[in-house]
All heavy atoms as atom14 arrays in JSON, in Angstrom:
{
  "sequence": "SGYRQPKVVVDIGFGNREYWAFTNEHGQLVRVVASKI",
  "atom14_mask": [
    [1, 1, 1, 1, 1, 1, 0, 0, 0, 0, 0, 0, 0, 0],
    [1, 1, 1, 1, 0, 0, 0, 0, 0, 0, 0, 0, 0, 0],
    [1, 1, 1, 1, 1, 1, 1, 1, 1, 1, 1, 1, 0, 0],
    [1, 1, 1, 1, 1, 1, 1, 1, 1, 1, 1, 0, 0, 0],
    [1, 1, 1, 1, 1, 1, 1, 1, 1, 0, 0, 0, 0, 0],
    [1, 1, 1, 1, 1, 1, 1, 0, 0, 0, 0, 0, 0, 0],
    [1, 1, 1, 1, 1, 1, 1, 1, 1, 0, 0, 0, 0, 0],
    [1, 1, 1, 1, 1, 1, 1, 0, 0, 0, 0, 0, 0, 0],
    [1, 1, 1, 1, 1, 1, 1, 0, 0, 0, 0, 0, 0, 0],
    [1, 1, 1, 1, 1, 1, 1, 0, 0, 0, 0, 0, 0, 0],
    [1, 1, 1, 1, 1, 1, 1, 1, 0, 0, 0, 0, 0, 0],
    [1, 1, 1, 1, 1, 1, 1, 1, 0, 0, 0, 0, 0, 0],
    [1, 1, 1, 1, 0, 0, 0, 0, 0, 0, 0, 0, 0, 0],
    [1, 1, 1, 1, 1, 1, 1, 1, 1, 1, 1, 0, 0, 0],
    [1, 1, 1, 1, 0, 0, 0, 0, 0, 0, 0, 0, 0, 0],
    [1, 1, 1, 1, 1, 1, 1, 1, 0, 0, 0, 0, 0, 0],
    [1, 1, 1, 1, 1, 1, 1, 1, 1, 1, 1, 0, 0, 0],
    [1, 1, 1, 1, 1, 1, 1, 1, 1, 0, 0, 0, 0, 0],
    [1, 1, 1, 1, 1, 1, 1, 1, 1, 1, 1, 1, 0, 0],
    [1, 1, 1, 1, 1, 1, 1, 1, 1, 1, 1, 1, 1, 1],
    [1, 1, 1, 1, 1, 0, 0, 0, 0, 0, 0, 0, 0, 0],
    [1, 1, 1, 1, 1, 1, 1, 1, 1, 1, 1, 0, 0, 0],
    [1, 1, 1, 1, 1, 1, 1, 0, 0, 0, 0, 0, 0, 0],
    [1, 1, 1, 1, 1, 1, 1, 1, 0, 0, 0, 0, 0, 0],
    [1, 1, 1, 1, 1, 1, 1, 1, 1, 0, 0, 0, 0, 0],
    [1, 1, 1, 1, 1, 1, 1, 1, 1, 1, 0, 0, 0, 0],
    [1, 1, 1, 1, 0, 0, 0, 0, 0, 0, 0, 0, 0, 0],
    [1, 1, 1, 1, 1, 1, 1, 1, 1, 0, 0, 0, 0, 0],
    [1, 1, 1, 1, 1, 1, 1, 1, 0, 0, 0, 0, 0, 0],
    [1, 1, 1, 1, 1, 1, 1, 0, 0, 0, 0, 0, 0, 0],
    [1, 1, 1, 1, 1, 1, 1, 1, 1, 1, 1, 0, 0, 0],
    [1, 1, 1, 1, 1, 1, 1, 0, 0, 0, 0, 0, 0, 0],
    [1, 1, 1, 1, 1, 1, 1, 0, 0, 0, 0, 0, 0, 0],
    [1, 1, 1, 1, 1, 0, 0, 0, 0, 0, 0, 0, 0, 0],
    [1, 1, 1, 1, 1, 1, 0, 0, 0, 0, 0, 0, 0, 0],
    [1, 1, 1, 1, 1, 1, 1, 1, 1, 0, 0, 0, 0, 0],
    [1, 1, 1, 1, 1, 1, 1, 1, 0, 0, 0, 0, 0, 0]
  ],
  "atom14_positions": [
    [[24.27, -35.12, -7.1], [25.42, -34.84, -7.96], [25.86, -33.39, -7.77], [25.02, -32.48, -7.71], [25.05, -35.09, -9.42], [26.05, -34.58, -10.28], [0.0, 0.0, 0.0], [0.0, 0.0, 0.0], [0.0, 0.0, 0.0], [0.0, 0.0, 0.0], [0.0, 0.0, 0.0], [0.0, 0.0, 0.0], [0.0, 0.0, 0.0], [0.0, 0.0, 0.0]],
    [[27.14, -33.16, -7.69], [27.65, -31.83, -7.5], [27.88, -31.07, -8.8], [28.31, -29.91, -8.76], [0.0, 0.0, 0.0], [0.0, 0.0, 0.0], [0.0, 0.0, 0.0], [0.0, 0.0, 0.0], [0.0, 0.0, 0.0], [0.0, 0.0, 0.0], [0.0, 0.0, 0.0], [0.0, 0.0, 0.0], [0.0, 0.0, 0.0], [0.0, 0.0, 0.0]],
    [[27.6, -31.7, -9.93], [27.86, -31.06, -11.23], [26.77, -30.06, -11.59], [25.58, -30.3, -11.38], [27.97, -32.12, -12.3], [28.08, -31.54, -13.71], [29.27, -30.95, -14.15], [27.0, -31.55, -14.57], [29.34, -30.41, -15.41], [27.09, -31.02, -15.83], [28.26, -30.45, -16.25], [28.35, -29.91, -17.51], [0.0, 0.0, 0.0], [0.0, 0.0, 0.0]],
    [[27.2, -28.92, -12.15], [26.27, -27.93, -12.66], [26.58, -27.64, -14.12], [27.72, -27.55, -14.5], [26.34, -26.61, -11.89], [26.11, -26.67, -10.4], [25.91, -25.28, -9.86], [26.11, -25.21, -8.42], [27.21, -24.78, -7.84], [28.2, -24.33, -8.58], [27.31, -24.75, -6.53], [0.0, 0.0, 0.0], [0.0, 0.0, 0.0], [0.0, 0.0, 0.0]],
    [[25.54, -27.5, -14.92], [25.74, -27.11, -16.31], [25.94, -25.63, -16.41], [25.4, -24.83, -15.62], [24.5, -27.49, -17.15], [24.26, -28.99, -17.29], [23.14, -29.29, -18.28], [23.05, -28.65, -19.33], [22.33, -30.26, -17.94], [0.0, 0.0, 0.0], [0.0, 0.0, 0.0], [0.0, 0.0, 0.0], [0.0, 0.0, 0.0], [0.0, 0.0, 0.0]],
    [[26.73, -25.15, -17.39], [26.94, -23.71, -17.55], [25.77, -23.04, -18.25], [25.08, -23.65, -19.07], [28.2, -23.65, -18.41], [28.18, -24.92, -19.19], [27.57, -25.96, -18.28], [0.0, 0.0, 0.0], [0.0, 0.0, 0.0], [0.0, 0.0, 0.0], [0.0, 0.0, 0.0], [0.0, 0.0, 0.0], [0.0, 0.0, 0.0], [0.0, 0.0, 0.0]],
    [[25.53, -21.78, -17.89], [24.52, -20.93, -18.52], [23.14, -21.56, -18.56], [22.5, -21.63, -19.6], [24.97, -20.51, -19.92], [26.24, -19.72, -19.95], [26.08, -18.35, -19.31], [25.22, -17.43, -20.12], [25.16, -16.06, -19.5], [0.0, 0.0, 0.0], [0.0, 0.0, 0.0], [0.0, 0.0, 0.0], [0.0, 0.0, 0.0], [0.0, 0.0, 0.0]],
    [[22.68, -22.06, -17.41], [21.35, -22.66, -17.32], [20.58, -21.98, -16.2], [21.14, -21.3, -15.35], [21.42, -24.17, -17.07], [22.08, -24.9, -18.24], [22.13, -24.5, -15.78], [0.0, 0.0, 0.0], [0.0, 0.0, 0.0], [0.0, 0.0, 0.0], [0.0, 0.0, 0.0], [0.0, 0.0, 0.0], [0.0, 0.0, 0.0], [0.0, 0.0, 0.0]],
    [[19.27, -22.16, -16.23], [18.39, -21.7, -15.16], [17.58, -22.89, -14.71], [17.09, -23.69, -15.51], [17.49, -20.52, -15.63], [16.68, -20.91, -16.86], [16.57, -20.07, -14.5], [0.0, 0.0, 0.0], [0.0, 0.0, 0.0], [0.0, 0.0, 0.0], [0.0, 0.0, 0.0], [0.0, 0.0, 0.0], [0.0, 0.0, 0.0], [0.0, 0.0, 0.0]],
    [[17.43, -23.05, -13.38], [16.8, -24.2, -12.78], [15.85, -23.72, -11.69], [16.19, -22.82, -10.9], [17.83, -25.17, -12.17], [17.14, -26.4, -11.57], [18.85, -25.6, -13.22], [0.0, 0.0, 0.0], [0.0, 0.0, 0.0], [0.0, 0.0, 0.0], [0.0, 0.0, 0.0], [0.0, 0.0, 0.0], [0.0, 0.0, 0.0], [0.0, 0.0, 0.0]],
    [[14.68, -24.33, -11.6], [13.73, -24.05, -10.53], [14.15, -24.87, -9.31], [14.12, -26.11, -9.34], [12.32, -24.41, -10.96], [11.26, -24.0, -9.89], [11.67, -23.46, -8.84], [10.06, -24.24, -10.12], [0.0, 0.0, 0.0], [0.0, 0.0, 0.0], [0.0, 0.0, 0.0], [0.0, 0.0, 0.0], [0.0, 0.0, 0.0], [0.0, 0.0, 0.0]],
    [[14.54, -24.2, -8.23], [15.03, -24.88, -7.04], [13.99, -24.76, -5.9], [14.33, -25.0, -4.73], [16.38, -24.34, -6.57], [16.29, -22.83, -6.31], [17.48, -24.67, -7.59], [17.52, -22.27, -5.6], [0.0, 0.0, 0.0], [0.0, 0.0, 0.0], [0.0, 0.0, 0.0], [0.0, 0.0, 0.0], [0.0, 0.0, 0.0], [0.0, 0.0, 0.0]],
    [[12.76, -24.41, -6.24], [11.71, -24.34, -5.21], [11.01, -25.68, -5.05], [10.69, -26.33, -6.07], [0.0, 0.0, 0.0], [0.0, 0.0, 0.0], [0.0, 0.0, 0.0], [0.0, 0.0, 0.0], [0.0, 0.0, 0.0], [0.0, 0.0, 0.0], [0.0, 0.0, 0.0], [0.0, 0.0, 0.0], [0.0, 0.0, 0.0], [0.0, 0.0, 0.0]],
    [[10.79, -26.08, -3.83], [10.11, -27.37, -3.6], [8.6, -27.22, -3.91], [8.0, -26.22, -3.6], [10.29, -27.81, -2.15], [9.74, -29.2, -1.88], [10.53, -30.31, -2.13], [8.47, -29.38, -1.38], [10.03, -31.59, -1.9], [7.96, -30.64, -1.14], [8.75, -31.76, -1.4], [0.0, 0.0, 0.0], [0.0, 0.0, 0.0], [0.0, 0.0, 0.0]],
    [[8.04, -28.29, -4.55], [6.61, -28.25, -4.88], [6.33, -27.21, -5.95], [6.95, -27.16, -6.99], [0.0, 0.0, 0.0], [0.0, 0.0, 0.0], [0.0, 0.0, 0.0], [0.0, 0.0, 0.0], [0.0, 0.0, 0.0], [0.0, 0.0, 0.0], [0.0, 0.0, 0.0], [0.0, 0.0, 0.0], [0.0, 0.0, 0.0], [0.0, 0.0, 0.0]],
    [[5.31, -26.39, -5.67], [4.87, -25.38, -6.67], [5.64, -24.06, -6.55], [5.34, -23.13, -7.3], [3.37, -25.11, -6.5], [2.52, -26.33, -6.84], [2.88, -27.09, -7.73], [1.43, -26.51, -6.13], [0.0, 0.0, 0.0], [0.0, 0.0, 0.0], [0.0, 0.0, 0.0], [0.0, 0.0, 0.0], [0.0, 0.0, 0.0], [0.0, 0.0, 0.0]],
    [[6.58, -23.97, -5.66], [7.36, -22.73, -5.52], [8.23, -22.51, -6.76], [8.7, -23.46, -7.36], [8.27, -22.82, -4.28], [7.49, -22.96, -2.96], [8.49, -23.23, -1.83], [7.88, -23.36, -0.54], [7.37, -24.5, -0.05], [7.42, -25.59, -0.8], [6.83, -24.54, 1.14], [0.0, 0.0, 0.0], [0.0, 0.0, 0.0], [0.0, 0.0, 0.0]],
    [[8.44, -21.26, -7.08], [9.32, -20.9, -8.19], [10.48, -20.07, -7.66], [10.38, -18.88, -7.44], [8.55, -20.11, -9.27], [7.61, -20.98, -10.1], [7.08, -20.22, -11.3], [7.34, -19.02, -11.43], [6.4, -20.85, -12.13], [0.0, 0.0, 0.0], [0.0, 0.0, 0.0], [0.0, 0.0, 0.0], [0.0, 0.0, 0.0], [0.0, 0.0, 0.0]],
    [[11.59, -20.78, -7.42], [12.84, -20.13, -7.02], [13.84, -20.41, -8.15], [14.16, -21.57, -8.4], [13.38, -20.72, -5.72], [12.46, -20.62, -4.51], [12.7, -21.4, -3.39], [11.38, -19.76, -4.48], [11.9, -21.34, -2.26], [10.55, -19.68, -3.35], [10.83, -20.48, -2.26], [10.0, -20.4, -1.16], [0.0, 0.0, 0.0], [0.0, 0.0, 0.0]],
    [[14.33, -19.41, -8.82], [15.16, -19.6, -10.03], [16.63, -19.39, -9.73], [17.04, -18.37, -9.2], [14.69, -18.67, -11.15], [13.26, -18.88, -11.5], [12.18, -18.12, -11.18], [12.75, -20.0, -12.25], [11.05, -18.64, -11.7], [11.35, -19.81, -12.36], [13.33, -21.1, -12.85], [10.52, -20.71, -13.03], [12.51, -22.0, -13.53], [11.13, -21.8, -13.63]],
    [[17.44, -20.4, -10.12], [18.89, -20.38, -9.92], [19.59, -20.27, -11.28], [19.18, -20.97, -12.22], [19.34, -21.59, -9.17], [0.0, 0.0, 0.0], [0.0, 0.0, 0.0], [0.0, 0.0, 0.0], [0.0, 0.0, 0.0], [0.0, 0.0, 0.0], [0.0, 0.0, 0.0], [0.0, 0.0, 0.0], [0.0, 0.0, 0.0], [0.0, 0.0, 0.0]],
    [[20.63, -19.44, -11.34], [21.34, -19.22, -12.6], [22.82, -19.54, -12.44], [23.42, -19.25, -11.41], [21.24, -17.74, -13.03], [19.81, -17.27, -13.24], [19.02, -16.89, -12.17], [19.3, -17.17, -14.51], [17.73, -16.43, -12.36], [18.01, -16.74, -14.72], [17.21, -16.36, -13.66], [0.0, 0.0, 0.0], [0.0, 0.0, 0.0], [0.0, 0.0, 0.0]],
    [[23.4, -20.16, -13.46], [24.84, -20.42, -13.48], [25.5, -19.59, -14.55], [24.87, -19.19, -15.53], [25.15, -21.91, -13.72], [24.66, -22.27, -15.03], [24.49, -22.79, -12.66], [0.0, 0.0, 0.0], [0.0, 0.0, 0.0], [0.0, 0.0, 0.0], [0.0, 0.0, 0.0], [0.0, 0.0, 0.0], [0.0, 0.0, 0.0], [0.0, 0.0, 0.0]],
    [[26.79, -19.33, -14.37], [27.55, -18.62, -15.4], [28.22, -19.61, -16.36], [27.93, -20.82, -16.31], [28.57, -17.69, -14.77], [29.64, -18.46, -13.95], [29.73, -19.68, -14.01], [30.42, -17.73, -13.18], [0.0, 0.0, 0.0], [0.0, 0.0, 0.0], [0.0, 0.0, 0.0], [0.0, 0.0, 0.0], [0.0, 0.0, 0.0], [0.0, 0.0, 0.0]],
    [[29.07, -19.11, -17.24], [29.68, -19.95, -18.26], [30.65, -20.96, -17.67], [31.08, -21.88, -18.37], [30.38, -19.11, -19.31], [31.5, -18.26, -18.79], [31.06, -16.91, -18.29], [29.86, -16.75, -17.94], [31.9, -15.98, -18.26], [0.0, 0.0, 0.0], [0.0, 0.0, 0.0], [0.0, 0.0, 0.0], [0.0, 0.0, 0.0], [0.0, 0.0, 0.0]],
    [[31.0, -20.8, -16.38], [31.92, -21.75, -15.71], [31.16, -22.76, -14.83], [31.8, -23.52, -14.12], [32.93, -20.98, -14.88], [33.65, -19.9, -15.62], [34.56, -20.18, -16.62], [33.52, -18.53, -15.56], [35.01, -19.03, -17.12], [34.41, -18.03, -16.49], [0.0, 0.0, 0.0], [0.0, 0.0, 0.0], [0.0, 0.0, 0.0], [0.0, 0.0, 0.0]],
    [[29.84, -22.73, -14.9], [29.05, -23.65, -14.07], [28.97, -23.23, -12.63], [28.52, -24.01, -11.77], [0.0, 0.0, 0.0], [0.0, 0.0, 0.0], [0.0, 0.0, 0.0], [0.0, 0.0, 0.0], [0.0, 0.0, 0.0], [0.0, 0.0, 0.0], [0.0, 0.0, 0.0], [0.0, 0.0, 0.0], [0.0, 0.0, 0.0], [0.0, 0.0, 0.0]],
    [[29.37, -22.0, -12.31], [29.25, -21.5, -10.94], [27.87, -20.95, -10.68], [27.29, -20.26, -11.53], [30.31, -20.42, -10.69], [31.74, -20.93, -10.76], [32.76, -19.8, -10.76], [32.54, -18.72, -11.36], [33.89, -20.0, -10.06], [0.0, 0.0, 0.0], [0.0, 0.0, 0.0], [0.0, 0.0, 0.0], [0.0, 0.0, 0.0], [0.0, 0.0, 0.0]],
    [[27.32, -21.24, -9.52], [26.02, -20.7, -9.13], [26.22, -19.24, -8.75], [26.91, -18.94, -7.78], [25.45, -21.5, -7.94], [24.13, -21.0, -7.35], [23.01, -21.06, -8.39], [23.77, -21.81, -6.12], [0.0, 0.0, 0.0], [0.0, 0.0, 0.0], [0.0, 0.0, 0.0], [0.0, 0.0, 0.0], [0.0, 0.0, 0.0], [0.0, 0.0, 0.0]],
    [[25.63, -18.33, -9.52], [25.94, -16.89, -9.31], [24.71, -16.06, -8.9], [24.89, -14.94, -8.39], [26.56, -16.29, -10.58], [27.94, -16.87, -10.83], [25.66, -16.5, -11.79], [0.0, 0.0, 0.0], [0.0, 0.0, 0.0], [0.0, 0.0, 0.0], [0.0, 0.0, 0.0], [0.0, 0.0, 0.0], [0.0, 0.0, 0.0], [0.0, 0.0, 0.0]],
    [[23.5, -16.61, -9.1], [22.32, -15.78, -8.81], [21.13, -16.69, -8.5], [20.92, -17.69, -9.18], [22.0, -14.85, -9.95], [20.86, -13.88, -9.71], [20.78, -12.85, -10.83], [19.69, -11.92, -10.67], [18.59, -11.87, -11.44], [18.49, -12.71, -12.48], [17.63, -11.01, -11.23], [0.0, 0.0, 0.0], [0.0, 0.0, 0.0], [0.0, 0.0, 0.0]],
    [[20.34, -16.28, -7.52], [19.08, -16.95, -7.19], [18.02, -15.88, -6.92], [18.29, -14.92, -6.18], [19.22, -17.85, -5.94], [17.88, -18.43, -5.53], [20.21, -18.99, -6.21], [0.0, 0.0, 0.0], [0.0, 0.0, 0.0], [0.0, 0.0, 0.0], [0.0, 0.0, 0.0], [0.0, 0.0, 0.0], [0.0, 0.0, 0.0], [0.0, 0.0, 0.0]],
    [[16.86, -16.03, -7.54], [15.79, -15.06, -7.36], [14.47, -15.76, -7.05], [14.23, -16.89, -7.49], [15.58, -14.17, -8.6], [16.82, -13.31, -8.83], [15.26, -14.98, -9.82], [0.0, 0.0, 0.0], [0.0, 0.0, 0.0], [0.0, 0.0, 0.0], [0.0, 0.0, 0.0], [0.0, 0.0, 0.0], [0.0, 0.0, 0.0], [0.0, 0.0, 0.0]],
    [[13.62, -15.1, -6.29], [12.29, -15.6, -5.95], [11.38, -14.42, -5.66], [11.75, -13.56, -4.86], [12.33, -16.54, -4.76], [0.0, 0.0, 0.0], [0.0, 0.0, 0.0], [0.0, 0.0, 0.0], [0.0, 0.0, 0.0], [0.0, 0.0, 0.0], [0.0, 0.0, 0.0], [0.0, 0.0, 0.0], [0.0, 0.0, 0.0], [0.0, 0.0, 0.0]],
    [[10.26, -14.34, -6.37], [9.35, -13.21, -6.14], [8.71, -13.33, -4.74], [8.38, -12.34, -4.13], [8.25, -13.2, -7.21], [7.51, -14.41, -7.2], [0.0, 0.0, 0.0], [0.0, 0.0, 0.0], [0.0, 0.0, 0.0], [0.0, 0.0, 0.0], [0.0, 0.0, 0.0], [0.0, 0.0, 0.0], [0.0, 0.0, 0.0], [0.0, 0.0, 0.0]],
    [[8.59, -14.58, -4.24], [7.99, -14.77, -2.93], [8.58, -16.02, -2.28], [8.62, -17.09, -2.88], [6.47, -14.92, -3.02], [5.77, -15.04, -1.69], [4.24, -15.11, -1.87], [3.53, -15.18, -0.53], [2.05, -15.31, -0.7], [0.0, 0.0, 0.0], [0.0, 0.0, 0.0], [0.0, 0.0, 0.0], [0.0, 0.0, 0.0], [0.0, 0.0, 0.0]],
    [[9.08, -15.88, -1.06], [9.57, -16.99, -0.28], [8.42, -17.56, 0.57], [7.81, -16.87, 1.37], [10.72, -16.57, 0.67], [11.91, -16.1, -0.15], [11.1, -17.72, 1.6], [12.6, -17.17, -0.95], [0.0, 0.0, 0.0], [0.0, 0.0, 0.0], [0.0, 0.0, 0.0], [0.0, 0.0, 0.0], [0.0, 0.0, 0.0], [0.0, 0.0, 0.0]]
  ]
}
């Protein structure tokens, strides 16, 4: 699905990885952070 919720954070790392993605109030993906790739 191409839909994103506004102002949410989601773990987008496969398995046990922690890659955090953030959306703004318009549902746009604006930031992704990971302490370790």
